[in-house]
N, C-alpha and C. Protein backbone atom coordinates (compact mmCIF):
# COMPACT_ATOMS: atom_id res chain seq x y z
N UNK A 1 -14.81 -16.97 8.43
CA UNK A 1 -13.82 -15.91 8.31
C UNK A 1 -13.14 -15.68 9.66
N UNK A 2 -11.91 -15.20 9.60
CA UNK A 2 -11.15 -14.92 10.82
C UNK A 2 -11.65 -13.62 11.44
N UNK A 3 -11.26 -13.40 12.68
CA UNK A 3 -11.67 -12.17 13.34
C UNK A 3 -10.88 -10.99 12.82
N UNK A 4 -11.37 -9.79 13.07
CA UNK A 4 -10.72 -8.57 12.58
C UNK A 4 -9.57 -8.12 13.47
N UNK A 5 -9.17 -8.94 14.43
CA UNK A 5 -8.08 -8.53 15.32
C UNK A 5 -6.79 -9.28 15.02
N UNK A 6 -6.68 -9.92 13.86
CA UNK A 6 -5.49 -10.70 13.53
C UNK A 6 -4.24 -9.82 13.53
N UNK A 7 -3.21 -10.30 14.19
CA UNK A 7 -1.90 -9.64 14.15
C UNK A 7 -0.84 -10.71 14.30
N UNK A 8 0.36 -10.40 13.84
CA UNK A 8 1.50 -11.31 13.94
C UNK A 8 2.70 -10.50 14.40
N UNK A 9 3.82 -11.16 14.54
CA UNK A 9 5.05 -10.47 14.90
C UNK A 9 5.46 -9.53 13.77
N UNK A 10 6.05 -8.37 14.08
CA UNK A 10 6.55 -7.49 13.03
C UNK A 10 7.64 -8.18 12.21
N UNK A 11 7.81 -7.72 10.97
CA UNK A 11 8.83 -8.24 10.08
C UNK A 11 9.85 -7.13 9.86
N UNK A 12 11.14 -7.42 10.10
CA UNK A 12 12.20 -6.44 9.87
C UNK A 12 13.09 -6.92 8.73
N UNK A 13 13.24 -6.05 7.72
CA UNK A 13 14.05 -6.34 6.54
C UNK A 13 15.01 -5.18 6.32
N UNK A 14 16.30 -5.45 6.33
CA UNK A 14 17.33 -4.43 6.09
C UNK A 14 17.17 -3.20 6.98
N UNK A 15 16.64 -3.38 8.18
CA UNK A 15 16.47 -2.27 9.12
C UNK A 15 15.11 -1.60 9.06
N UNK A 16 14.26 -1.96 8.11
CA UNK A 16 12.90 -1.42 8.03
C UNK A 16 11.96 -2.44 8.66
N UNK A 17 11.12 -1.98 9.61
CA UNK A 17 10.19 -2.88 10.30
C UNK A 17 8.77 -2.61 9.82
N UNK A 18 8.08 -3.67 9.44
CA UNK A 18 6.69 -3.62 8.99
C UNK A 18 5.85 -4.30 10.06
N UNK A 19 4.79 -3.62 10.53
CA UNK A 19 3.99 -4.15 11.62
C UNK A 19 2.50 -4.08 11.31
N UNK A 20 1.79 -5.11 11.75
CA UNK A 20 0.34 -5.17 11.62
C UNK A 20 -0.35 -4.92 12.96
N UNK A 21 0.36 -4.29 13.89
CA UNK A 21 -0.12 -4.15 15.26
C UNK A 21 -1.40 -3.33 15.40
N UNK A 22 -1.78 -2.57 14.38
CA UNK A 22 -3.02 -1.80 14.47
C UNK A 22 -4.24 -2.63 14.09
N UNK A 23 -4.04 -3.88 13.68
CA UNK A 23 -5.13 -4.84 13.50
C UNK A 23 -5.82 -4.84 12.16
N UNK A 24 -6.68 -5.85 11.98
CA UNK A 24 -7.45 -6.00 10.75
C UNK A 24 -6.78 -6.86 9.70
N UNK A 25 -5.50 -7.17 9.90
CA UNK A 25 -4.78 -8.03 8.98
C UNK A 25 -3.59 -8.63 9.70
N UNK A 26 -2.96 -9.60 9.05
CA UNK A 26 -1.80 -10.27 9.62
C UNK A 26 -0.72 -10.38 8.55
N UNK A 27 0.50 -9.98 8.89
CA UNK A 27 1.63 -10.19 7.99
C UNK A 27 2.01 -11.66 8.07
N UNK A 28 2.02 -12.33 6.92
CA UNK A 28 2.33 -13.77 6.91
C UNK A 28 3.68 -14.07 6.27
N UNK A 29 4.31 -13.08 5.61
CA UNK A 29 5.62 -13.30 5.02
C UNK A 29 6.25 -11.96 4.69
N UNK A 30 7.57 -11.93 4.66
CA UNK A 30 8.32 -10.74 4.28
C UNK A 30 9.69 -11.14 3.79
N UNK A 31 10.15 -10.45 2.73
CA UNK A 31 11.47 -10.73 2.16
C UNK A 31 11.89 -9.57 1.28
N UNK A 32 13.12 -9.59 0.80
CA UNK A 32 13.62 -8.58 -0.14
C UNK A 32 14.52 -7.56 0.51
N UNK A 33 15.12 -6.70 -0.35
CA UNK A 33 16.07 -5.69 0.12
C UNK A 33 15.62 -4.26 -0.14
N UNK A 34 14.50 -4.05 -0.82
CA UNK A 34 13.97 -2.71 -1.04
C UNK A 34 14.40 -2.05 -2.33
N UNK A 35 15.18 -2.75 -3.16
CA UNK A 35 15.60 -2.18 -4.44
C UNK A 35 14.53 -2.46 -5.49
N UNK A 36 14.64 -1.81 -6.64
CA UNK A 36 13.70 -2.06 -7.73
C UNK A 36 13.76 -3.52 -8.17
N UNK A 37 14.96 -4.07 -8.26
CA UNK A 37 15.13 -5.46 -8.68
C UNK A 37 14.79 -6.48 -7.60
N UNK A 38 14.79 -6.08 -6.34
CA UNK A 38 14.51 -6.96 -5.21
C UNK A 38 13.72 -6.18 -4.15
N UNK A 39 12.47 -5.80 -4.49
CA UNK A 39 11.69 -4.97 -3.56
C UNK A 39 11.39 -5.72 -2.26
N UNK A 40 11.11 -4.95 -1.20
CA UNK A 40 10.55 -5.58 -0.02
C UNK A 40 9.22 -6.19 -0.45
N UNK A 41 8.97 -7.42 -0.07
CA UNK A 41 7.69 -8.08 -0.35
C UNK A 41 7.04 -8.38 0.99
N UNK A 42 5.88 -7.79 1.23
CA UNK A 42 5.12 -8.02 2.45
C UNK A 42 3.79 -8.67 2.05
N UNK A 43 3.56 -9.87 2.57
CA UNK A 43 2.32 -10.60 2.28
C UNK A 43 1.40 -10.45 3.48
N UNK A 44 0.18 -9.98 3.22
CA UNK A 44 -0.79 -9.70 4.29
C UNK A 44 -2.07 -10.51 4.07
N UNK A 45 -2.59 -11.05 5.13
CA UNK A 45 -3.89 -11.73 5.12
C UNK A 45 -4.87 -10.76 5.76
N UNK A 46 -5.73 -10.16 4.93
CA UNK A 46 -6.65 -9.12 5.40
C UNK A 46 -8.00 -9.74 5.73
N UNK A 47 -8.45 -9.53 6.98
CA UNK A 47 -9.64 -10.21 7.48
C UNK A 47 -10.83 -9.27 7.70
N UNK A 48 -10.72 -8.04 7.24
CA UNK A 48 -11.79 -7.07 7.45
C UNK A 48 -12.04 -6.30 6.16
N UNK A 49 -13.22 -5.73 6.05
CA UNK A 49 -13.53 -4.84 4.93
C UNK A 49 -13.25 -3.39 5.29
N UNK A 50 -12.88 -3.15 6.54
CA UNK A 50 -12.55 -1.80 7.01
C UNK A 50 -11.12 -1.45 6.57
N UNK A 51 -10.77 -0.16 6.54
CA UNK A 51 -9.39 0.22 6.23
C UNK A 51 -8.42 -0.43 7.22
N UNK A 52 -7.25 -0.77 6.73
CA UNK A 52 -6.19 -1.33 7.57
C UNK A 52 -4.96 -0.45 7.44
N UNK A 53 -4.07 -0.53 8.43
CA UNK A 53 -2.90 0.35 8.46
C UNK A 53 -1.64 -0.47 8.69
N UNK A 54 -0.72 -0.41 7.74
CA UNK A 54 0.60 -1.02 7.88
C UNK A 54 1.51 0.02 8.51
N UNK A 55 2.04 -0.28 9.68
CA UNK A 55 2.95 0.62 10.38
C UNK A 55 4.38 0.30 9.92
N UNK A 56 5.12 1.33 9.50
CA UNK A 56 6.48 1.15 8.98
C UNK A 56 7.42 1.98 9.83
N UNK A 57 8.49 1.33 10.31
CA UNK A 57 9.48 2.02 11.14
C UNK A 57 10.86 1.87 10.53
N UNK A 58 11.70 2.91 10.70
CA UNK A 58 13.11 2.82 10.36
C UNK A 58 13.54 3.47 9.05
N UNK A 59 12.64 4.20 8.37
CA UNK A 59 13.03 4.86 7.12
C UNK A 59 13.78 6.15 7.48
N UNK A 60 15.04 5.99 7.83
CA UNK A 60 15.88 7.09 8.29
C UNK A 60 16.98 7.38 7.29
N UNK A 61 17.73 8.45 7.54
CA UNK A 61 18.86 8.77 6.69
C UNK A 61 19.90 7.66 6.75
N UNK A 62 20.02 6.98 7.89
CA UNK A 62 20.97 5.88 8.01
C UNK A 62 20.58 4.71 7.10
N UNK A 63 19.28 4.50 6.92
CA UNK A 63 18.83 3.44 6.02
C UNK A 63 19.27 3.76 4.59
N UNK A 64 19.16 5.02 4.22
CA UNK A 64 19.55 5.42 2.87
C UNK A 64 18.42 5.27 1.87
N UNK A 65 18.79 5.19 0.60
CA UNK A 65 17.78 5.14 -0.45
C UNK A 65 18.02 3.94 -1.36
N UNK A 66 17.43 2.83 -0.99
CA UNK A 66 17.52 1.61 -1.80
C UNK A 66 16.78 1.77 -3.12
N UNK A 67 15.87 2.75 -3.19
CA UNK A 67 15.07 2.97 -4.40
C UNK A 67 15.86 3.73 -5.48
N UNK A 68 16.94 4.37 -5.09
CA UNK A 68 17.79 5.14 -6.01
C UNK A 68 17.03 6.28 -6.69
N UNK A 69 16.19 6.97 -5.92
CA UNK A 69 15.49 8.16 -6.40
C UNK A 69 16.25 9.38 -5.91
N UNK A 70 15.72 10.57 -6.17
CA UNK A 70 16.39 11.80 -5.74
C UNK A 70 15.95 12.24 -4.34
N UNK A 71 15.56 11.30 -3.49
CA UNK A 71 15.13 11.57 -2.13
C UNK A 71 16.20 11.10 -1.14
N UNK A 72 16.13 11.58 0.10
CA UNK A 72 17.10 11.17 1.11
C UNK A 72 17.00 9.68 1.44
N UNK A 73 15.79 9.15 1.49
CA UNK A 73 15.61 7.73 1.82
C UNK A 73 14.42 7.19 1.03
N UNK A 74 14.44 5.88 0.83
CA UNK A 74 13.33 5.28 0.10
C UNK A 74 13.56 3.81 -0.18
N UNK A 75 12.47 3.16 -0.59
CA UNK A 75 12.54 1.74 -0.96
C UNK A 75 11.37 1.38 -1.87
N UNK A 76 11.54 0.30 -2.61
CA UNK A 76 10.47 -0.27 -3.40
C UNK A 76 9.76 -1.32 -2.56
N UNK A 77 8.44 -1.37 -2.68
CA UNK A 77 7.62 -2.29 -1.90
C UNK A 77 6.63 -3.01 -2.80
N UNK A 78 6.61 -4.33 -2.70
CA UNK A 78 5.53 -5.12 -3.29
C UNK A 78 4.68 -5.61 -2.12
N UNK A 79 3.44 -5.17 -2.10
CA UNK A 79 2.51 -5.53 -1.04
C UNK A 79 1.49 -6.49 -1.62
N UNK A 80 1.49 -7.72 -1.08
CA UNK A 80 0.55 -8.74 -1.53
C UNK A 80 -0.56 -8.81 -0.49
N UNK A 81 -1.79 -8.51 -0.92
CA UNK A 81 -2.94 -8.52 -0.01
C UNK A 81 -3.83 -9.71 -0.37
N UNK A 82 -4.00 -10.62 0.58
CA UNK A 82 -4.87 -11.77 0.40
C UNK A 82 -6.21 -11.44 1.06
N UNK A 83 -7.28 -11.51 0.28
CA UNK A 83 -8.61 -11.11 0.74
C UNK A 83 -9.26 -12.24 1.56
N UNK A 84 -9.21 -12.12 2.88
CA UNK A 84 -9.90 -13.05 3.77
C UNK A 84 -11.11 -12.37 4.40
N UNK A 85 -11.59 -11.28 3.77
CA UNK A 85 -12.82 -10.63 4.24
C UNK A 85 -13.99 -11.33 3.55
N UNK A 86 -15.20 -10.84 3.78
CA UNK A 86 -16.37 -11.43 3.14
C UNK A 86 -16.88 -10.58 1.98
N UNK A 87 -16.05 -9.63 1.50
CA UNK A 87 -16.44 -8.73 0.43
C UNK A 87 -15.46 -8.81 -0.74
N UNK A 88 -15.97 -8.64 -1.96
CA UNK A 88 -15.10 -8.53 -3.13
C UNK A 88 -14.58 -7.10 -3.20
N UNK A 89 -13.28 -6.94 -3.36
CA UNK A 89 -12.68 -5.61 -3.50
C UNK A 89 -12.75 -5.21 -4.96
N UNK A 90 -13.38 -4.09 -5.27
CA UNK A 90 -13.46 -3.59 -6.64
C UNK A 90 -12.58 -2.37 -6.84
N UNK A 91 -11.94 -1.94 -5.80
CA UNK A 91 -10.97 -0.85 -5.85
C UNK A 91 -10.09 -0.95 -4.62
N UNK A 92 -8.96 -0.27 -4.68
CA UNK A 92 -8.01 -0.34 -3.56
C UNK A 92 -7.24 0.96 -3.55
N UNK A 93 -7.10 1.56 -2.37
CA UNK A 93 -6.35 2.81 -2.22
C UNK A 93 -5.21 2.60 -1.24
N UNK A 94 -4.07 3.15 -1.56
CA UNK A 94 -2.93 3.21 -0.66
C UNK A 94 -2.68 4.68 -0.36
N UNK A 95 -2.59 5.03 0.91
CA UNK A 95 -2.36 6.42 1.30
C UNK A 95 -1.27 6.47 2.36
N UNK A 96 -0.37 7.43 2.24
CA UNK A 96 0.70 7.61 3.21
C UNK A 96 0.30 8.65 4.25
N UNK A 97 0.63 8.38 5.51
CA UNK A 97 0.40 9.33 6.59
C UNK A 97 1.63 9.35 7.49
N UNK A 98 2.18 10.54 7.73
CA UNK A 98 3.30 10.70 8.65
C UNK A 98 2.78 10.64 10.09
N UNK A 99 1.55 11.11 10.26
CA UNK A 99 0.86 11.07 11.56
C UNK A 99 -0.47 10.37 11.32
N UNK A 100 -0.74 9.32 12.07
CA UNK A 100 -1.94 8.52 11.85
C UNK A 100 -3.19 9.38 11.96
N UNK A 101 -4.03 9.30 10.93
CA UNK A 101 -5.28 10.07 10.91
C UNK A 101 -5.16 11.40 10.20
N UNK A 102 -3.93 11.75 9.77
CA UNK A 102 -3.71 13.02 9.07
C UNK A 102 -3.07 12.75 7.71
N UNK A 103 -3.74 13.16 6.65
CA UNK A 103 -3.21 12.95 5.31
C UNK A 103 -1.83 13.58 5.17
N UNK A 104 -0.96 12.92 4.44
CA UNK A 104 0.41 13.40 4.23
C UNK A 104 0.39 14.59 3.25
N UNK A 105 0.71 15.81 3.73
CA UNK A 105 0.73 16.96 2.83
C UNK A 105 2.01 17.00 2.00
N UNK A 106 2.04 17.85 1.01
CA UNK A 106 3.17 17.93 0.08
C UNK A 106 4.49 18.20 0.79
N UNK A 107 4.51 19.03 1.80
CA UNK A 107 5.78 19.47 2.38
C UNK A 107 6.31 18.61 3.51
N UNK A 108 5.67 17.47 3.82
CA UNK A 108 6.19 16.63 4.91
C UNK A 108 7.34 15.74 4.46
N UNK A 109 7.60 15.65 3.17
CA UNK A 109 8.71 14.86 2.65
C UNK A 109 8.39 13.42 2.35
N UNK A 110 7.28 12.90 2.87
CA UNK A 110 6.86 11.52 2.65
C UNK A 110 6.02 11.44 1.39
N UNK A 111 6.33 10.49 0.49
CA UNK A 111 5.56 10.41 -0.75
C UNK A 111 5.79 9.08 -1.45
N UNK A 112 4.99 8.87 -2.48
CA UNK A 112 5.19 7.75 -3.39
C UNK A 112 6.11 8.23 -4.53
N UNK A 113 7.32 8.64 -4.17
CA UNK A 113 8.30 9.05 -5.18
C UNK A 113 7.96 10.35 -5.87
N UNK A 114 7.27 11.25 -5.17
CA UNK A 114 6.88 12.53 -5.78
C UNK A 114 8.10 13.26 -6.31
N UNK A 115 7.95 13.94 -7.42
CA UNK A 115 8.96 14.70 -8.15
C UNK A 115 9.88 13.82 -8.98
N UNK A 116 9.61 12.53 -9.04
CA UNK A 116 10.35 11.64 -9.92
C UNK A 116 9.72 11.68 -11.31
N UNK A 117 10.49 11.41 -12.36
CA UNK A 117 9.89 11.32 -13.70
C UNK A 117 8.85 10.20 -13.73
N UNK A 118 7.79 10.35 -14.53
CA UNK A 118 6.72 9.34 -14.58
C UNK A 118 7.25 7.92 -14.83
N UNK A 119 8.31 7.76 -15.60
CA UNK A 119 8.83 6.42 -15.88
C UNK A 119 9.35 5.76 -14.60
N UNK A 120 9.75 6.55 -13.61
CA UNK A 120 10.24 6.00 -12.35
C UNK A 120 9.12 5.85 -11.32
N UNK A 121 7.90 6.14 -11.72
CA UNK A 121 6.73 5.95 -10.85
C UNK A 121 5.76 5.00 -11.53
N UNK A 122 6.30 4.01 -12.19
CA UNK A 122 5.50 3.03 -12.91
C UNK A 122 4.99 1.97 -11.93
N UNK A 123 4.00 2.33 -11.12
CA UNK A 123 3.47 1.45 -10.11
C UNK A 123 2.56 0.42 -10.77
N UNK A 124 2.42 -0.74 -10.14
CA UNK A 124 1.63 -1.80 -10.74
C UNK A 124 0.69 -2.44 -9.71
N UNK A 125 -0.36 -3.03 -10.24
CA UNK A 125 -1.29 -3.87 -9.48
C UNK A 125 -1.74 -4.96 -10.44
N UNK A 126 -1.54 -6.21 -10.05
CA UNK A 126 -1.82 -7.30 -10.99
C UNK A 126 -3.30 -7.64 -11.16
N UNK A 127 -4.19 -7.05 -10.36
CA UNK A 127 -5.62 -7.36 -10.49
C UNK A 127 -6.47 -6.13 -10.81
N UNK A 128 -5.82 -4.98 -11.01
CA UNK A 128 -6.55 -3.75 -11.35
C UNK A 128 -5.95 -3.14 -12.60
N UNK A 129 -6.82 -2.73 -13.53
CA UNK A 129 -6.37 -2.22 -14.82
C UNK A 129 -6.07 -0.73 -14.83
N UNK A 130 -6.54 0.00 -13.83
CA UNK A 130 -6.39 1.45 -13.82
C UNK A 130 -5.75 1.91 -12.52
N UNK A 131 -4.92 2.95 -12.63
CA UNK A 131 -4.24 3.50 -11.47
C UNK A 131 -4.21 5.02 -11.59
N UNK A 132 -4.47 5.71 -10.46
CA UNK A 132 -4.38 7.16 -10.40
C UNK A 132 -3.50 7.53 -9.22
N UNK A 133 -2.42 8.29 -9.49
CA UNK A 133 -1.54 8.76 -8.42
C UNK A 133 -2.03 10.12 -7.98
N UNK A 134 -2.23 10.28 -6.68
CA UNK A 134 -2.73 11.53 -6.11
C UNK A 134 -1.60 12.16 -5.28
N UNK A 135 -1.00 13.23 -5.78
CA UNK A 135 0.05 13.92 -5.03
C UNK A 135 -0.51 15.03 -4.16
N UNK A 136 -1.65 15.57 -4.51
CA UNK A 136 -2.27 16.66 -3.77
C UNK A 136 -3.76 16.38 -3.64
N UNK A 137 -4.40 16.65 -2.57
CA UNK A 137 -3.92 17.28 -1.35
C UNK A 137 -3.23 16.31 -0.40
N UNK A 138 -3.15 15.02 -0.78
CA UNK A 138 -2.46 14.03 0.04
C UNK A 138 -1.73 13.05 -0.88
N UNK A 139 -0.89 12.21 -0.30
CA UNK A 139 -0.15 11.22 -1.09
C UNK A 139 -0.92 9.92 -1.11
N UNK A 140 -1.42 9.56 -2.29
CA UNK A 140 -2.18 8.33 -2.40
C UNK A 140 -2.13 7.76 -3.80
N UNK A 141 -2.51 6.50 -3.91
CA UNK A 141 -2.63 5.83 -5.20
C UNK A 141 -3.96 5.09 -5.16
N UNK A 142 -4.79 5.31 -6.18
CA UNK A 142 -6.09 4.64 -6.28
C UNK A 142 -6.04 3.65 -7.44
N UNK A 143 -6.36 2.40 -7.16
CA UNK A 143 -6.42 1.35 -8.17
C UNK A 143 -7.88 1.00 -8.40
N UNK A 144 -8.27 0.81 -9.67
CA UNK A 144 -9.66 0.50 -10.00
C UNK A 144 -9.72 -0.38 -11.24
N UNK A 145 -10.96 -0.68 -11.65
CA UNK A 145 -11.22 -1.53 -12.81
C UNK A 145 -10.63 -2.92 -12.64
N UNK A 146 -11.08 -3.58 -11.57
CA UNK A 146 -10.67 -4.94 -11.29
C UNK A 146 -11.50 -5.50 -10.15
N UNK A 147 -11.18 -6.71 -9.75
CA UNK A 147 -11.91 -7.32 -8.65
C UNK A 147 -11.02 -8.37 -7.97
N UNK A 148 -11.12 -8.39 -6.64
CA UNK A 148 -10.41 -9.38 -5.83
C UNK A 148 -11.44 -10.02 -4.90
N UNK A 149 -12.02 -11.17 -5.31
CA UNK A 149 -13.02 -11.81 -4.47
C UNK A 149 -12.39 -12.45 -3.23
N UNK A 150 -13.21 -12.76 -2.23
CA UNK A 150 -12.69 -13.43 -1.04
C UNK A 150 -11.90 -14.69 -1.43
N UNK A 151 -10.73 -14.86 -0.82
CA UNK A 151 -9.87 -16.00 -1.11
C UNK A 151 -8.80 -15.70 -2.14
N UNK A 152 -8.97 -14.63 -2.93
CA UNK A 152 -7.97 -14.26 -3.94
C UNK A 152 -6.99 -13.25 -3.37
N UNK A 153 -5.98 -12.90 -4.16
CA UNK A 153 -4.94 -11.98 -3.74
C UNK A 153 -4.67 -10.96 -4.84
N UNK A 154 -4.05 -9.86 -4.43
CA UNK A 154 -3.62 -8.82 -5.37
C UNK A 154 -2.23 -8.38 -4.93
N UNK A 155 -1.37 -8.06 -5.90
CA UNK A 155 -0.02 -7.58 -5.59
C UNK A 155 0.16 -6.17 -6.17
N UNK A 156 0.63 -5.26 -5.32
CA UNK A 156 0.91 -3.88 -5.71
C UNK A 156 2.42 -3.65 -5.58
N UNK A 157 3.01 -2.94 -6.53
CA UNK A 157 4.41 -2.54 -6.40
C UNK A 157 4.48 -1.03 -6.51
N UNK A 158 5.07 -0.39 -5.48
CA UNK A 158 5.16 1.06 -5.40
C UNK A 158 6.53 1.44 -4.82
N UNK A 159 6.89 2.70 -4.97
CA UNK A 159 8.08 3.23 -4.31
C UNK A 159 7.62 4.17 -3.20
N UNK A 160 8.28 4.09 -2.05
CA UNK A 160 7.98 4.99 -0.92
C UNK A 160 9.26 5.73 -0.59
N UNK A 161 9.17 7.07 -0.54
CA UNK A 161 10.35 7.90 -0.32
C UNK A 161 10.10 8.92 0.78
N UNK A 162 11.22 9.45 1.30
CA UNK A 162 11.12 10.48 2.33
C UNK A 162 12.31 11.41 2.20
N UNK A 163 12.07 12.70 2.40
CA UNK A 163 13.15 13.69 2.35
C UNK A 163 13.54 14.17 3.74
N UNK A 164 13.23 13.42 4.74
CA UNK A 164 13.61 13.74 6.12
C UNK A 164 13.59 12.47 6.92
N UNK A 165 14.07 12.50 8.12
CA UNK A 165 14.04 11.29 8.93
C UNK A 165 12.61 10.96 9.32
N UNK A 166 12.30 9.68 9.35
CA UNK A 166 10.96 9.24 9.74
C UNK A 166 11.10 7.96 10.54
N UNK A 167 11.01 8.09 11.85
CA UNK A 167 11.10 6.90 12.68
C UNK A 167 9.93 5.96 12.41
N UNK A 168 8.76 6.53 12.08
CA UNK A 168 7.63 5.70 11.71
C UNK A 168 6.67 6.49 10.84
N UNK A 169 5.98 5.76 9.97
CA UNK A 169 4.90 6.33 9.17
C UNK A 169 3.89 5.23 8.93
N UNK A 170 2.78 5.59 8.29
CA UNK A 170 1.65 4.68 8.16
C UNK A 170 1.24 4.55 6.69
N UNK A 171 1.01 3.32 6.25
CA UNK A 171 0.47 3.06 4.93
C UNK A 171 -0.97 2.59 5.13
N UNK A 172 -1.91 3.51 4.88
CA UNK A 172 -3.33 3.22 5.06
C UNK A 172 -3.84 2.53 3.80
N UNK A 173 -4.57 1.43 4.01
CA UNK A 173 -5.07 0.63 2.90
C UNK A 173 -6.59 0.61 2.96
N UNK A 174 -7.22 1.06 1.89
CA UNK A 174 -8.68 1.08 1.84
C UNK A 174 -9.13 0.11 0.76
N UNK A 175 -9.88 -0.89 1.15
CA UNK A 175 -10.39 -1.91 0.25
C UNK A 175 -11.80 -1.49 -0.11
N UNK A 176 -12.04 -1.17 -1.36
CA UNK A 176 -13.33 -0.62 -1.76
C UNK A 176 -14.22 -1.70 -2.36
N UNK A 177 -15.51 -1.63 -2.05
CA UNK A 177 -16.49 -2.57 -2.57
C UNK A 177 -17.53 -1.79 -3.36
N UNK A 178 -18.05 -2.42 -4.42
CA UNK A 178 -19.13 -1.80 -5.20
C UNK A 178 -20.41 -1.83 -4.40
N UNK A 179 -21.14 -0.73 -4.46
CA UNK A 179 -22.44 -0.68 -3.80
C UNK A 179 -23.52 -0.96 -4.84
N UNK A 180 -23.31 -0.48 -6.04
CA UNK A 180 -24.24 -0.71 -7.15
C UNK A 180 -23.45 -0.65 -8.44
N UNK A 181 -23.98 -1.26 -9.47
CA UNK A 181 -23.31 -1.24 -10.76
C UNK A 181 -24.22 -0.60 -11.79
N UNK A 182 -23.62 0.10 -12.74
CA UNK A 182 -24.34 0.68 -13.86
C UNK A 182 -24.27 -0.30 -15.01
N UNK A 183 -25.40 -0.71 -15.58
CA UNK A 183 -25.34 -1.69 -16.68
C UNK A 183 -24.61 -1.11 -17.88
N UNK A 184 -23.93 -1.99 -18.61
CA UNK A 184 -23.23 -1.55 -19.83
C UNK A 184 -24.26 -1.13 -20.87
N UNK A 185 -23.84 -0.26 -21.78
CA UNK A 185 -24.73 0.22 -22.83
C UNK A 185 -25.28 -0.97 -23.63
N UNK A 186 -26.56 -0.94 -23.90
CA UNK A 186 -27.19 -2.00 -24.70
C UNK A 186 -27.67 -3.19 -23.88
N UNK A 187 -27.51 -3.15 -22.57
CA UNK A 187 -28.01 -4.25 -21.74
C UNK A 187 -29.17 -3.76 -20.90
N UNK A 188 -30.02 -4.69 -20.53
CA UNK A 188 -31.18 -4.36 -19.70
C UNK A 188 -30.77 -4.39 -18.22
N UNK A 189 -31.23 -3.42 -17.42
CA UNK A 189 -30.96 -3.49 -15.98
C UNK A 189 -31.66 -4.68 -15.38
N UNK A 190 -31.10 -5.21 -14.30
CA UNK A 190 -31.70 -6.38 -13.64
C UNK A 190 -32.89 -5.99 -12.81
């Protein structure tokens, strides 16, 4: 396995810069325009089981709203995470933070399209069957009921919006592993 300090050059698409400078993963590809039909696609090679942080810069009023939501600025993002850690991911959380280490509260303007109709928040993950959007007390999305073993990948598509200028914000990624499993009904425990 690679070391947990992998980083690459930042990727800038349509004025939005995505950076892996906080470590634990490496951006290996980026493309797209941020619209629903052509989302930004960021491919990451994740080399740790610890949380990783994608640093995003440039979501300003000048950028506008490629997502076409009722927010001042926003874009659609497909994040492809390739598991180069030594653990199988059985859950995955995405959390937004305007200030690193502080959960994004309701009134900071940063969200996963909060206040949009549910049909416009139809987020996806191709390797997880269940999704829970958490608007309070912080902005997050929890994906579960799936597995991404080492060497495999998962793709998430979400919308990220802001109602104020944001020179930078953080997308915290938590890769969850099972510690124990409960046997299904009618089966004997091991």
